[in-house]
Amino acid sequence: FVVLANSKELLENEIKPWIEQFLSVRGVALSQEKTRIAHIHQGFDFLGWNFRKYVPKSPHRKAKLFIKPAKKNVSTFYRKVRDIIKNSGTLTQGALMGRLNPVLRGWAQYHSPVVAKATFNKLDLIFWRILRWAKRRHPRKSVGWLKRRYYCSGIHRAFVYPVKGIDGTVKFRQLYMLADTVIVRHKRLPGAYQP
């Protein structure tokens, strides 16, 4: 959990001892390694997000709080996607998409209420991992051939897989693009709404 206060002294001298006493009655203690007191301008990581208030360069503007995906969370996610692609050398294109889409969509949906658009755009490096996967499958083919085979020319960097329907029509299943995730902010609650 996160506790916010007006000063560091208030946190250290009043609130932290009260929380420790409250938890000790219930047989629980604060972890000394994980508990930390930080200024909001330095920021802190919580539940995969980084909370930080940025001071503007102009003196006429107010400081703004930005909640972004934490760097540790982003690198863990990228490693997970990289390992899925790396260990999928024998899978078909459809099976690889079946493994990747739930992971990509779930992570993107979790981070969709925060300031994550720049992170989503940066993580579309997954495109190059997919291209390397295709190159491993067809080592003697050119990059142009691979793009024609695995990517749709109408959509920028769209890894698509044709699926035939029962009626014979061909539909395309597409790899989930993080950059296409719509950012939807949470509605702010009034101050008196919460205790």
N, C-alpha and C. Protein backbone atom coordinates (compact mmCIF):
# COMPACT_ATOMS: atom_id res chain seq x y z
N PHE A 1 0.83 -1.19 0.00
CA PHE A 1 0.00 0.00 0.00
C PHE A 1 0.87 1.24 0.00
N VAL A 2 0.26 2.37 -0.34
CA VAL A 2 0.96 3.64 -0.42
C VAL A 2 0.32 4.60 0.57
N VAL A 3 1.14 5.31 1.31
CA VAL A 3 0.67 6.33 2.24
C VAL A 3 1.27 7.66 1.80
N LEU A 4 0.43 8.66 1.64
CA LEU A 4 0.89 9.99 1.25
C LEU A 4 0.77 10.94 2.44
N ALA A 5 1.72 11.83 2.59
CA ALA A 5 1.69 12.81 3.68
C ALA A 5 2.33 14.10 3.22
N ASN A 6 2.13 15.16 4.00
CA ASN A 6 2.65 16.48 3.65
C ASN A 6 4.15 16.61 3.88
N SER A 7 4.72 15.82 4.80
CA SER A 7 6.15 15.95 5.08
C SER A 7 6.76 14.60 5.41
N LYS A 8 8.07 14.52 5.25
CA LYS A 8 8.81 13.29 5.56
C LYS A 8 8.79 13.03 7.06
N GLU A 9 8.88 14.09 7.86
CA GLU A 9 8.89 13.95 9.32
C GLU A 9 7.57 13.36 9.82
N LEU A 10 6.45 13.80 9.24
CA LEU A 10 5.14 13.27 9.62
C LEU A 10 5.08 11.77 9.33
N LEU A 11 5.60 11.36 8.18
CA LEU A 11 5.60 9.94 7.82
C LEU A 11 6.47 9.13 8.79
N GLU A 12 7.69 9.60 9.04
CA GLU A 12 8.63 8.85 9.87
C GLU A 12 8.24 8.82 11.33
N ASN A 13 7.76 9.96 11.89
CA ASN A 13 7.54 10.06 13.33
C ASN A 13 6.14 9.69 13.79
N GLU A 14 5.14 9.84 12.94
CA GLU A 14 3.77 9.57 13.38
C GLU A 14 3.11 8.42 12.62
N ILE A 15 3.12 8.51 11.30
CA ILE A 15 2.33 7.55 10.51
C ILE A 15 2.98 6.16 10.49
N LYS A 16 4.29 6.09 10.23
CA LYS A 16 4.96 4.78 10.16
C LYS A 16 4.87 4.02 11.49
N PRO A 17 5.14 4.64 12.65
CA PRO A 17 4.96 3.90 13.92
C PRO A 17 3.53 3.43 14.14
N TRP A 18 2.56 4.26 13.73
CA TRP A 18 1.17 3.86 13.90
C TRP A 18 0.85 2.64 13.03
N ILE A 19 1.33 2.64 11.78
CA ILE A 19 1.10 1.50 10.88
C ILE A 19 1.78 0.25 11.43
N GLU A 20 3.02 0.37 11.91
CA GLU A 20 3.73 -0.78 12.49
C GLU A 20 2.98 -1.35 13.67
N GLN A 21 2.45 -0.48 14.53
CA GLN A 21 1.68 -0.93 15.70
C GLN A 21 0.38 -1.60 15.25
N PHE A 22 -0.29 -1.01 14.26
CA PHE A 22 -1.54 -1.56 13.73
C PHE A 22 -1.32 -2.95 13.15
N LEU A 23 -0.22 -3.14 12.41
CA LEU A 23 0.06 -4.44 11.80
C LEU A 23 0.55 -5.47 12.82
N SER A 24 1.32 -5.04 13.83
CA SER A 24 1.86 -5.99 14.81
C SER A 24 0.76 -6.68 15.60
N VAL A 25 -0.35 -5.97 15.86
CA VAL A 25 -1.49 -6.57 16.56
C VAL A 25 -2.07 -7.72 15.75
N ARG A 26 -1.94 -7.64 14.44
CA ARG A 26 -2.48 -8.66 13.53
C ARG A 26 -1.43 -9.70 13.12
N GLY A 27 -0.25 -9.61 13.72
CA GLY A 27 0.80 -10.59 13.44
C GLY A 27 1.55 -10.37 12.14
N VAL A 28 1.53 -9.15 11.64
CA VAL A 28 2.19 -8.82 10.38
C VAL A 28 3.15 -7.66 10.65
N ALA A 29 4.24 -7.61 9.87
CA ALA A 29 5.21 -6.53 10.03
C ALA A 29 5.58 -5.94 8.68
N LEU A 30 5.97 -4.68 8.68
CA LEU A 30 6.45 -4.04 7.46
C LEU A 30 7.82 -4.60 7.09
N SER A 31 8.03 -4.88 5.82
CA SER A 31 9.33 -5.36 5.36
C SER A 31 10.29 -4.16 5.30
N GLN A 32 11.43 -4.28 5.97
CA GLN A 32 12.40 -3.17 5.99
C GLN A 32 13.02 -2.95 4.60
N GLU A 33 13.18 -4.03 3.81
CA GLU A 33 13.77 -3.89 2.48
C GLU A 33 12.82 -3.22 1.49
N LYS A 34 11.52 -3.50 1.63
CA LYS A 34 10.55 -2.99 0.66
C LYS A 34 9.95 -1.65 1.05
N THR A 35 9.96 -1.33 2.33
CA THR A 35 9.38 -0.07 2.78
C THR A 35 10.35 1.06 2.50
N ARG A 36 9.83 2.10 1.85
CA ARG A 36 10.69 3.24 1.58
C ARG A 36 9.89 4.52 1.58
N ILE A 37 10.56 5.58 1.98
CA ILE A 37 9.94 6.90 1.98
C ILE A 37 10.61 7.68 0.86
N ALA A 38 9.79 8.17 -0.06
CA ALA A 38 10.33 8.88 -1.22
C ALA A 38 9.53 10.15 -1.47
N HIS A 39 10.21 11.14 -1.98
CA HIS A 39 9.54 12.38 -2.38
C HIS A 39 8.83 12.12 -3.71
N ILE A 40 7.68 12.74 -3.88
CA ILE A 40 6.88 12.51 -5.10
C ILE A 40 7.62 12.97 -6.36
N HIS A 41 8.57 13.91 -6.23
CA HIS A 41 9.34 14.36 -7.39
C HIS A 41 10.40 13.32 -7.80
N GLN A 42 10.79 12.44 -6.87
CA GLN A 42 11.69 11.33 -7.22
C GLN A 42 10.89 10.19 -7.82
N GLY A 43 9.67 10.03 -7.33
CA GLY A 43 8.79 8.99 -7.83
C GLY A 43 8.99 7.66 -7.12
N PHE A 44 8.03 6.77 -7.33
CA PHE A 44 8.10 5.43 -6.75
C PHE A 44 7.33 4.46 -7.63
N ASP A 45 7.71 3.20 -7.58
CA ASP A 45 7.04 2.14 -8.33
C ASP A 45 6.03 1.44 -7.44
N PHE A 46 4.86 1.17 -8.00
CA PHE A 46 3.80 0.48 -7.25
C PHE A 46 2.91 -0.24 -8.25
N LEU A 47 2.75 -1.54 -8.08
CA LEU A 47 1.89 -2.38 -8.92
C LEU A 47 2.22 -2.27 -10.41
N GLY A 48 3.52 -2.18 -10.73
CA GLY A 48 3.94 -2.13 -12.12
C GLY A 48 3.89 -0.75 -12.75
N TRP A 49 3.55 0.26 -11.95
CA TRP A 49 3.49 1.63 -12.45
C TRP A 49 4.49 2.49 -11.72
N ASN A 50 4.92 3.55 -12.36
CA ASN A 50 5.80 4.54 -11.74
C ASN A 50 5.00 5.82 -11.53
N PHE A 51 4.90 6.24 -10.27
CA PHE A 51 4.19 7.46 -9.91
C PHE A 51 5.24 8.54 -9.68
N ARG A 52 5.12 9.64 -10.40
CA ARG A 52 6.10 10.71 -10.25
C ARG A 52 5.49 12.04 -10.65
N LYS A 53 5.81 13.06 -9.87
CA LYS A 53 5.34 14.41 -10.18
C LYS A 53 6.48 15.14 -10.87
N TYR A 54 6.21 15.65 -12.06
CA TYR A 54 7.22 16.32 -12.86
C TYR A 54 7.09 17.83 -12.70
N VAL A 55 8.21 18.48 -12.40
CA VAL A 55 8.24 19.92 -12.24
C VAL A 55 8.43 20.54 -13.62
N PRO A 56 7.55 21.47 -14.02
CA PRO A 56 7.69 22.08 -15.35
C PRO A 56 8.85 23.08 -15.38
N LYS A 57 9.35 23.32 -16.57
CA LYS A 57 10.44 24.28 -16.74
C LYS A 57 9.93 25.72 -16.58
N SER A 58 8.70 25.95 -16.98
CA SER A 58 8.11 27.28 -16.86
C SER A 58 7.60 27.50 -15.44
N PRO A 59 7.90 28.64 -14.82
CA PRO A 59 7.44 28.88 -13.45
C PRO A 59 5.94 29.15 -13.36
N HIS A 60 5.27 29.39 -14.49
CA HIS A 60 3.85 29.70 -14.49
C HIS A 60 2.98 28.44 -14.52
N ARG A 61 3.59 27.29 -14.69
CA ARG A 61 2.82 26.05 -14.77
C ARG A 61 2.94 25.25 -13.48
N LYS A 62 1.92 24.45 -13.20
CA LYS A 62 1.93 23.60 -12.01
C LYS A 62 2.65 22.29 -12.30
N ALA A 63 3.16 21.66 -11.24
CA ALA A 63 3.76 20.33 -11.38
C ALA A 63 2.65 19.34 -11.71
N LYS A 64 2.97 18.34 -12.55
CA LYS A 64 1.96 17.36 -12.95
C LYS A 64 2.37 15.97 -12.51
N LEU A 65 1.40 15.21 -12.03
CA LEU A 65 1.63 13.83 -11.66
C LEU A 65 1.39 12.95 -12.88
N PHE A 66 2.42 12.16 -13.24
CA PHE A 66 2.28 11.21 -14.33
C PHE A 66 2.44 9.81 -13.78
N ILE A 67 1.54 8.93 -14.18
CA ILE A 67 1.61 7.52 -13.82
C ILE A 67 1.96 6.79 -15.11
N LYS A 68 3.14 6.16 -15.14
CA LYS A 68 3.62 5.47 -16.34
C LYS A 68 3.95 4.03 -15.99
N PRO A 69 4.03 3.14 -16.99
CA PRO A 69 4.51 1.79 -16.72
C PRO A 69 5.94 1.85 -16.18
N ALA A 70 6.21 1.11 -15.10
CA ALA A 70 7.54 1.10 -14.49
C ALA A 70 8.54 0.42 -15.43
N LYS A 71 9.77 0.93 -15.43
CA LYS A 71 10.80 0.38 -16.31
C LYS A 71 11.04 -1.10 -16.05
N LYS A 72 11.00 -1.49 -14.79
CA LYS A 72 11.21 -2.90 -14.43
C LYS A 72 10.08 -3.77 -15.00
N ASN A 73 8.85 -3.27 -14.94
CA ASN A 73 7.71 -3.99 -15.47
C ASN A 73 7.81 -4.12 -16.98
N VAL A 74 8.23 -3.05 -17.65
CA VAL A 74 8.36 -3.05 -19.11
C VAL A 74 9.43 -4.05 -19.55
N SER A 75 10.59 -4.05 -18.86
CA SER A 75 11.67 -4.97 -19.26
C SER A 75 11.29 -6.43 -18.99
N THR A 76 10.55 -6.68 -17.89
CA THR A 76 10.08 -8.04 -17.61
C THR A 76 9.11 -8.51 -18.69
N PHE A 77 8.21 -7.62 -19.10
CA PHE A 77 7.25 -7.95 -20.15
C PHE A 77 7.97 -8.24 -21.48
N TYR A 78 8.93 -7.38 -21.83
CA TYR A 78 9.66 -7.57 -23.09
C TYR A 78 10.43 -8.88 -23.09
N ARG A 79 11.04 -9.21 -21.94
CA ARG A 79 11.76 -10.49 -21.84
C ARG A 79 10.81 -11.67 -22.02
N LYS A 80 9.60 -11.56 -21.46
CA LYS A 80 8.61 -12.64 -21.59
C LYS A 80 8.21 -12.83 -23.05
N VAL A 81 7.94 -11.73 -23.76
CA VAL A 81 7.58 -11.80 -25.18
C VAL A 81 8.75 -12.35 -25.99
N ARG A 82 9.96 -11.87 -25.69
CA ARG A 82 11.15 -12.34 -26.39
C ARG A 82 11.33 -13.85 -26.22
N ASP A 83 11.11 -14.35 -24.99
CA ASP A 83 11.26 -15.78 -24.74
C ASP A 83 10.20 -16.60 -25.47
N ILE A 84 8.97 -16.07 -25.54
CA ILE A 84 7.91 -16.78 -26.28
C ILE A 84 8.30 -16.90 -27.74
N ILE A 85 8.78 -15.82 -28.33
CA ILE A 85 9.16 -15.83 -29.75
C ILE A 85 10.38 -16.72 -29.97
N LYS A 86 11.35 -16.61 -29.06
CA LYS A 86 12.60 -17.37 -29.18
C LYS A 86 12.36 -18.88 -29.13
N ASN A 87 11.43 -19.30 -28.26
CA ASN A 87 11.15 -20.73 -28.07
C ASN A 87 10.05 -21.23 -28.99
N SER A 88 9.69 -20.46 -30.01
CA SER A 88 8.61 -20.84 -30.92
C SER A 88 9.11 -21.13 -32.32
N GLY A 89 10.32 -21.62 -32.44
CA GLY A 89 10.90 -21.88 -33.76
C GLY A 89 10.13 -22.88 -34.57
N THR A 90 9.52 -23.87 -33.93
CA THR A 90 8.81 -24.91 -34.66
C THR A 90 7.32 -24.63 -34.80
N LEU A 91 6.83 -23.59 -34.16
CA LEU A 91 5.40 -23.29 -34.23
C LEU A 91 5.03 -22.67 -35.57
N THR A 92 3.78 -22.85 -35.94
CA THR A 92 3.26 -22.17 -37.13
C THR A 92 2.96 -20.73 -36.78
N GLN A 93 2.69 -19.94 -37.80
CA GLN A 93 2.39 -18.53 -37.59
C GLN A 93 1.12 -18.37 -36.74
N GLY A 94 0.11 -19.16 -37.00
CA GLY A 94 -1.14 -19.08 -36.23
C GLY A 94 -0.94 -19.46 -34.77
N ALA A 95 -0.13 -20.49 -34.52
CA ALA A 95 0.13 -20.91 -33.13
C ALA A 95 0.94 -19.85 -32.37
N LEU A 96 1.90 -19.23 -33.06
CA LEU A 96 2.67 -18.17 -32.43
C LEU A 96 1.77 -16.99 -32.07
N MET A 97 0.88 -16.62 -32.98
CA MET A 97 -0.05 -15.53 -32.69
C MET A 97 -0.99 -15.91 -31.55
N GLY A 98 -1.38 -17.18 -31.49
CA GLY A 98 -2.23 -17.65 -30.40
C GLY A 98 -1.55 -17.54 -29.04
N ARG A 99 -0.24 -17.67 -29.01
CA ARG A 99 0.51 -17.51 -27.76
C ARG A 99 0.75 -16.05 -27.41
N LEU A 100 1.05 -15.26 -28.43
CA LEU A 100 1.43 -13.86 -28.19
C LEU A 100 0.25 -12.93 -27.93
N ASN A 101 -0.83 -13.09 -28.66
CA ASN A 101 -1.95 -12.13 -28.55
C ASN A 101 -2.50 -11.98 -27.14
N PRO A 102 -2.77 -13.05 -26.38
CA PRO A 102 -3.28 -12.85 -25.02
C PRO A 102 -2.29 -12.11 -24.11
N VAL A 103 -1.00 -12.38 -24.29
CA VAL A 103 0.02 -11.72 -23.47
C VAL A 103 0.09 -10.24 -23.82
N LEU A 104 0.13 -9.92 -25.10
CA LEU A 104 0.20 -8.52 -25.54
C LEU A 104 -1.06 -7.74 -25.15
N ARG A 105 -2.21 -8.33 -25.41
CA ARG A 105 -3.47 -7.65 -25.12
C ARG A 105 -3.66 -7.44 -23.61
N GLY A 106 -3.35 -8.46 -22.82
CA GLY A 106 -3.52 -8.35 -21.37
C GLY A 106 -2.63 -7.27 -20.77
N TRP A 107 -1.36 -7.25 -21.19
CA TRP A 107 -0.43 -6.25 -20.65
C TRP A 107 -0.86 -4.84 -21.08
N ALA A 108 -1.27 -4.70 -22.33
CA ALA A 108 -1.68 -3.38 -22.84
C ALA A 108 -2.95 -2.90 -22.14
N GLN A 109 -3.90 -3.80 -21.91
CA GLN A 109 -5.14 -3.40 -21.24
C GLN A 109 -4.88 -2.98 -19.80
N TYR A 110 -3.93 -3.65 -19.13
CA TYR A 110 -3.60 -3.29 -17.75
C TYR A 110 -3.04 -1.87 -17.69
N HIS A 111 -2.22 -1.50 -18.67
CA HIS A 111 -1.57 -0.19 -18.66
C HIS A 111 -2.35 0.87 -19.45
N SER A 112 -3.52 0.54 -19.99
CA SER A 112 -4.25 1.50 -20.82
C SER A 112 -4.80 2.71 -20.07
N PRO A 113 -5.03 2.67 -18.74
CA PRO A 113 -5.54 3.89 -18.09
C PRO A 113 -4.45 4.91 -17.74
N VAL A 114 -3.18 4.61 -17.94
CA VAL A 114 -2.11 5.51 -17.53
C VAL A 114 -1.40 6.10 -18.75
N VAL A 115 -0.36 6.89 -18.50
CA VAL A 115 0.39 7.55 -19.57
C VAL A 115 1.34 6.51 -20.17
N ALA A 116 0.85 5.75 -21.15
CA ALA A 116 1.61 4.62 -21.66
C ALA A 116 1.81 4.63 -23.17
N LYS A 117 1.35 5.65 -23.85
CA LYS A 117 1.42 5.64 -25.32
C LYS A 117 2.87 5.58 -25.82
N ALA A 118 3.77 6.34 -25.20
CA ALA A 118 5.18 6.33 -25.62
C ALA A 118 5.80 4.96 -25.37
N THR A 119 5.43 4.33 -24.26
CA THR A 119 5.94 2.99 -23.95
C THR A 119 5.42 1.98 -24.97
N PHE A 120 4.14 2.08 -25.31
CA PHE A 120 3.56 1.17 -26.31
C PHE A 120 4.27 1.32 -27.66
N ASN A 121 4.52 2.56 -28.07
CA ASN A 121 5.21 2.79 -29.34
C ASN A 121 6.62 2.23 -29.31
N LYS A 122 7.30 2.39 -28.19
CA LYS A 122 8.68 1.90 -28.05
C LYS A 122 8.71 0.37 -28.09
N LEU A 123 7.70 -0.26 -27.50
CA LEU A 123 7.68 -1.73 -27.45
C LEU A 123 7.26 -2.38 -28.76
N ASP A 124 6.91 -1.60 -29.74
CA ASP A 124 6.62 -2.21 -31.03
C ASP A 124 7.89 -2.70 -31.71
N LEU A 125 8.99 -2.73 -30.96
CA LEU A 125 10.21 -3.42 -31.41
C LEU A 125 9.95 -4.92 -31.56
N ILE A 126 8.84 -5.36 -31.01
CA ILE A 126 8.44 -6.77 -31.14
C ILE A 126 8.36 -7.14 -32.62
N PHE A 127 8.05 -6.14 -33.47
CA PHE A 127 8.01 -6.34 -34.92
C PHE A 127 9.33 -6.96 -35.41
N TRP A 128 10.47 -6.45 -34.91
CA TRP A 128 11.76 -6.96 -35.35
C TRP A 128 12.01 -8.37 -34.82
N ARG A 129 11.51 -8.66 -33.62
CA ARG A 129 11.64 -10.03 -33.08
C ARG A 129 10.87 -11.01 -33.95
N ILE A 130 9.68 -10.63 -34.39
CA ILE A 130 8.86 -11.49 -35.26
C ILE A 130 9.58 -11.69 -36.60
N LEU A 131 10.17 -10.62 -37.13
CA LEU A 131 10.89 -10.73 -38.40
C LEU A 131 12.08 -11.68 -38.26
N ARG A 132 12.76 -11.64 -37.11
CA ARG A 132 13.88 -12.58 -36.87
C ARG A 132 13.37 -14.01 -36.75
N TRP A 133 12.18 -14.19 -36.15
CA TRP A 133 11.56 -15.51 -36.06
C TRP A 133 11.30 -16.06 -37.46
N ALA A 134 10.75 -15.19 -38.33
CA ALA A 134 10.46 -15.61 -39.71
C ALA A 134 11.76 -15.92 -40.46
N LYS A 135 12.80 -15.15 -40.22
CA LYS A 135 14.10 -15.37 -40.88
C LYS A 135 14.70 -16.71 -40.43
N ARG A 136 14.50 -17.08 -39.16
CA ARG A 136 15.00 -18.38 -38.69
C ARG A 136 14.24 -19.52 -39.35
N ARG A 137 12.96 -19.31 -39.60
CA ARG A 137 12.16 -20.35 -40.25
C ARG A 137 12.51 -20.51 -41.72
N HIS A 138 12.87 -19.40 -42.38
CA HIS A 138 13.20 -19.42 -43.80
C HIS A 138 14.56 -18.74 -43.99
N PRO A 139 15.65 -19.41 -43.66
CA PRO A 139 16.96 -18.74 -43.69
C PRO A 139 17.44 -18.35 -45.09
N ARG A 140 16.92 -18.99 -46.12
CA ARG A 140 17.41 -18.69 -47.47
C ARG A 140 16.55 -17.67 -48.21
N LYS A 141 15.50 -17.19 -47.57
CA LYS A 141 14.61 -16.23 -48.22
C LYS A 141 15.01 -14.80 -47.87
N SER A 142 14.65 -13.87 -48.74
CA SER A 142 14.99 -12.45 -48.53
C SER A 142 13.98 -11.82 -47.58
N VAL A 143 14.35 -10.65 -47.07
CA VAL A 143 13.46 -9.92 -46.16
C VAL A 143 12.18 -9.50 -46.89
N GLY A 144 12.31 -9.14 -48.15
CA GLY A 144 11.14 -8.77 -48.95
C GLY A 144 10.16 -9.92 -49.07
N TRP A 145 10.67 -11.14 -49.31
CA TRP A 145 9.82 -12.32 -49.41
C TRP A 145 9.12 -12.57 -48.07
N LEU A 146 9.87 -12.43 -46.97
CA LEU A 146 9.29 -12.65 -45.64
C LEU A 146 8.18 -11.64 -45.36
N LYS A 147 8.39 -10.39 -45.73
CA LYS A 147 7.37 -9.37 -45.50
C LYS A 147 6.12 -9.64 -46.33
N ARG A 148 6.30 -10.10 -47.57
CA ARG A 148 5.14 -10.42 -48.40
C ARG A 148 4.39 -11.61 -47.84
N ARG A 149 5.11 -12.57 -47.30
CA ARG A 149 4.47 -13.78 -46.78
C ARG A 149 3.76 -13.57 -45.45
N TYR A 150 4.40 -12.86 -44.52
CA TYR A 150 3.89 -12.77 -43.15
C TYR A 150 3.22 -11.44 -42.80
N TYR A 151 3.43 -10.42 -43.60
CA TYR A 151 2.91 -9.10 -43.25
C TYR A 151 1.93 -8.60 -44.29
N CYS A 152 0.95 -7.82 -43.84
CA CYS A 152 -0.05 -7.24 -44.72
C CYS A 152 0.49 -5.90 -45.23
N SER A 153 0.45 -5.71 -46.53
CA SER A 153 1.01 -4.48 -47.10
C SER A 153 0.13 -3.27 -46.81
N GLY A 154 -1.16 -3.47 -46.60
CA GLY A 154 -2.06 -2.35 -46.35
C GLY A 154 -1.93 -1.77 -44.95
N ILE A 155 -1.48 -2.58 -44.00
CA ILE A 155 -1.37 -2.12 -42.62
C ILE A 155 0.10 -2.09 -42.25
N HIS A 156 0.55 -0.99 -41.68
CA HIS A 156 1.96 -0.82 -41.33
C HIS A 156 2.37 -1.85 -40.27
N ARG A 157 3.36 -2.66 -40.59
CA ARG A 157 3.94 -3.64 -39.67
C ARG A 157 2.91 -4.61 -39.08
N ALA A 158 1.90 -4.99 -39.84
CA ALA A 158 0.86 -5.89 -39.34
C ALA A 158 1.22 -7.33 -39.68
N PHE A 159 1.47 -8.12 -38.65
CA PHE A 159 1.76 -9.54 -38.77
C PHE A 159 0.41 -10.24 -38.84
N VAL A 160 0.05 -10.73 -40.03
CA VAL A 160 -1.30 -11.28 -40.23
C VAL A 160 -1.23 -12.76 -40.62
N TYR A 161 -2.33 -13.45 -40.31
CA TYR A 161 -2.43 -14.86 -40.60
C TYR A 161 -3.79 -15.11 -41.27
N PRO A 162 -3.81 -15.64 -42.51
CA PRO A 162 -5.10 -15.88 -43.16
C PRO A 162 -5.81 -17.10 -42.56
N VAL A 163 -7.10 -16.91 -42.28
CA VAL A 163 -7.93 -17.99 -41.72
C VAL A 163 -9.13 -18.15 -42.63
N LYS A 164 -9.35 -19.40 -43.12
CA LYS A 164 -10.49 -19.66 -44.00
C LYS A 164 -11.71 -19.96 -43.14
N GLY A 165 -12.81 -19.28 -43.49
CA GLY A 165 -14.08 -19.50 -42.81
C GLY A 165 -14.80 -20.71 -43.35
N ILE A 166 -15.91 -21.07 -42.75
CA ILE A 166 -16.71 -22.22 -43.17
C ILE A 166 -17.28 -22.00 -44.57
N ASP A 167 -17.65 -20.74 -44.85
CA ASP A 167 -18.23 -20.42 -46.15
C ASP A 167 -17.17 -20.20 -47.23
N GLY A 168 -15.90 -20.38 -46.91
CA GLY A 168 -14.83 -20.27 -47.89
C GLY A 168 -14.18 -18.90 -47.96
N THR A 169 -14.71 -17.94 -47.22
CA THR A 169 -14.11 -16.60 -47.24
C THR A 169 -12.83 -16.61 -46.40
N VAL A 170 -11.91 -15.77 -46.78
CA VAL A 170 -10.64 -15.67 -46.07
C VAL A 170 -10.64 -14.41 -45.21
N LYS A 171 -10.41 -14.61 -43.93
CA LYS A 171 -10.29 -13.49 -43.00
C LYS A 171 -8.87 -13.48 -42.47
N PHE A 172 -8.42 -12.31 -42.06
CA PHE A 172 -7.06 -12.19 -41.55
C PHE A 172 -7.07 -11.96 -40.05
N ARG A 173 -6.31 -12.81 -39.38
CA ARG A 173 -6.10 -12.63 -37.94
C ARG A 173 -4.81 -11.85 -37.77
N GLN A 174 -4.83 -10.80 -36.95
CA GLN A 174 -3.68 -9.91 -36.84
C GLN A 174 -3.06 -9.99 -35.44
N LEU A 175 -1.74 -9.88 -35.41
CA LEU A 175 -1.04 -9.81 -34.13
C LEU A 175 -1.40 -8.50 -33.46
N TYR A 176 -1.69 -8.54 -32.18
CA TYR A 176 -2.10 -7.35 -31.45
C TYR A 176 -0.98 -6.32 -31.45
N MET A 177 -1.30 -5.11 -31.87
CA MET A 177 -0.33 -4.01 -31.90
C MET A 177 -0.50 -3.17 -30.64
N LEU A 178 0.55 -3.07 -29.85
CA LEU A 178 0.48 -2.30 -28.61
C LEU A 178 0.17 -0.83 -28.88
N ALA A 179 0.73 -0.28 -29.95
CA ALA A 179 0.53 1.13 -30.27
C ALA A 179 -0.92 1.46 -30.60
N ASP A 180 -1.71 0.46 -30.97
CA ASP A 180 -3.12 0.69 -31.30
C ASP A 180 -4.02 0.71 -30.06
N THR A 181 -3.47 0.45 -28.89
CA THR A 181 -4.26 0.43 -27.66
C THR A 181 -4.75 1.84 -27.36
N VAL A 182 -6.04 1.95 -27.11
CA VAL A 182 -6.64 3.24 -26.79
C VAL A 182 -6.42 3.53 -25.31
N ILE A 183 -5.93 4.73 -25.02
CA ILE A 183 -5.72 5.15 -23.64
C ILE A 183 -7.03 5.73 -23.12
N VAL A 184 -7.58 5.11 -22.07
CA VAL A 184 -8.83 5.56 -21.47
C VAL A 184 -8.55 5.88 -20.00
N ARG A 185 -8.65 7.14 -19.63
CA ARG A 185 -8.36 7.57 -18.27
C ARG A 185 -9.48 7.18 -17.32
N HIS A 186 -9.10 6.88 -16.07
CA HIS A 186 -10.09 6.64 -15.03
C HIS A 186 -10.77 7.96 -14.69
N LYS A 187 -12.05 7.90 -14.35
CA LYS A 187 -12.73 9.11 -13.90
C LYS A 187 -12.26 9.42 -12.49
N ARG A 188 -11.96 10.68 -12.25
CA ARG A 188 -11.47 11.10 -10.96
C ARG A 188 -12.62 11.20 -9.96
N LEU A 189 -12.41 10.65 -8.77
CA LEU A 189 -13.44 10.71 -7.74
C LEU A 189 -13.31 12.03 -6.97
N PRO A 190 -14.43 12.56 -6.47
CA PRO A 190 -14.34 13.77 -5.65
C PRO A 190 -13.58 13.49 -4.37
N GLY A 191 -12.91 14.50 -3.84
CA GLY A 191 -12.06 14.34 -2.65
C GLY A 191 -12.81 13.81 -1.45
N ALA A 192 -14.08 14.19 -1.27
CA ALA A 192 -14.84 13.76 -0.10
C ALA A 192 -15.42 12.36 -0.28
N TYR A 193 -15.23 11.76 -1.46
CA TYR A 193 -15.83 10.45 -1.76
C TYR A 193 -15.12 9.31 -1.01
N GLN A 194 -13.81 9.46 -0.80
CA GLN A 194 -13.03 8.41 -0.15
C GLN A 194 -12.65 8.83 1.27
N PRO A 195 -12.54 7.86 2.19
CA PRO A 195 -12.10 8.22 3.55
C PRO A 195 -10.63 8.61 3.56
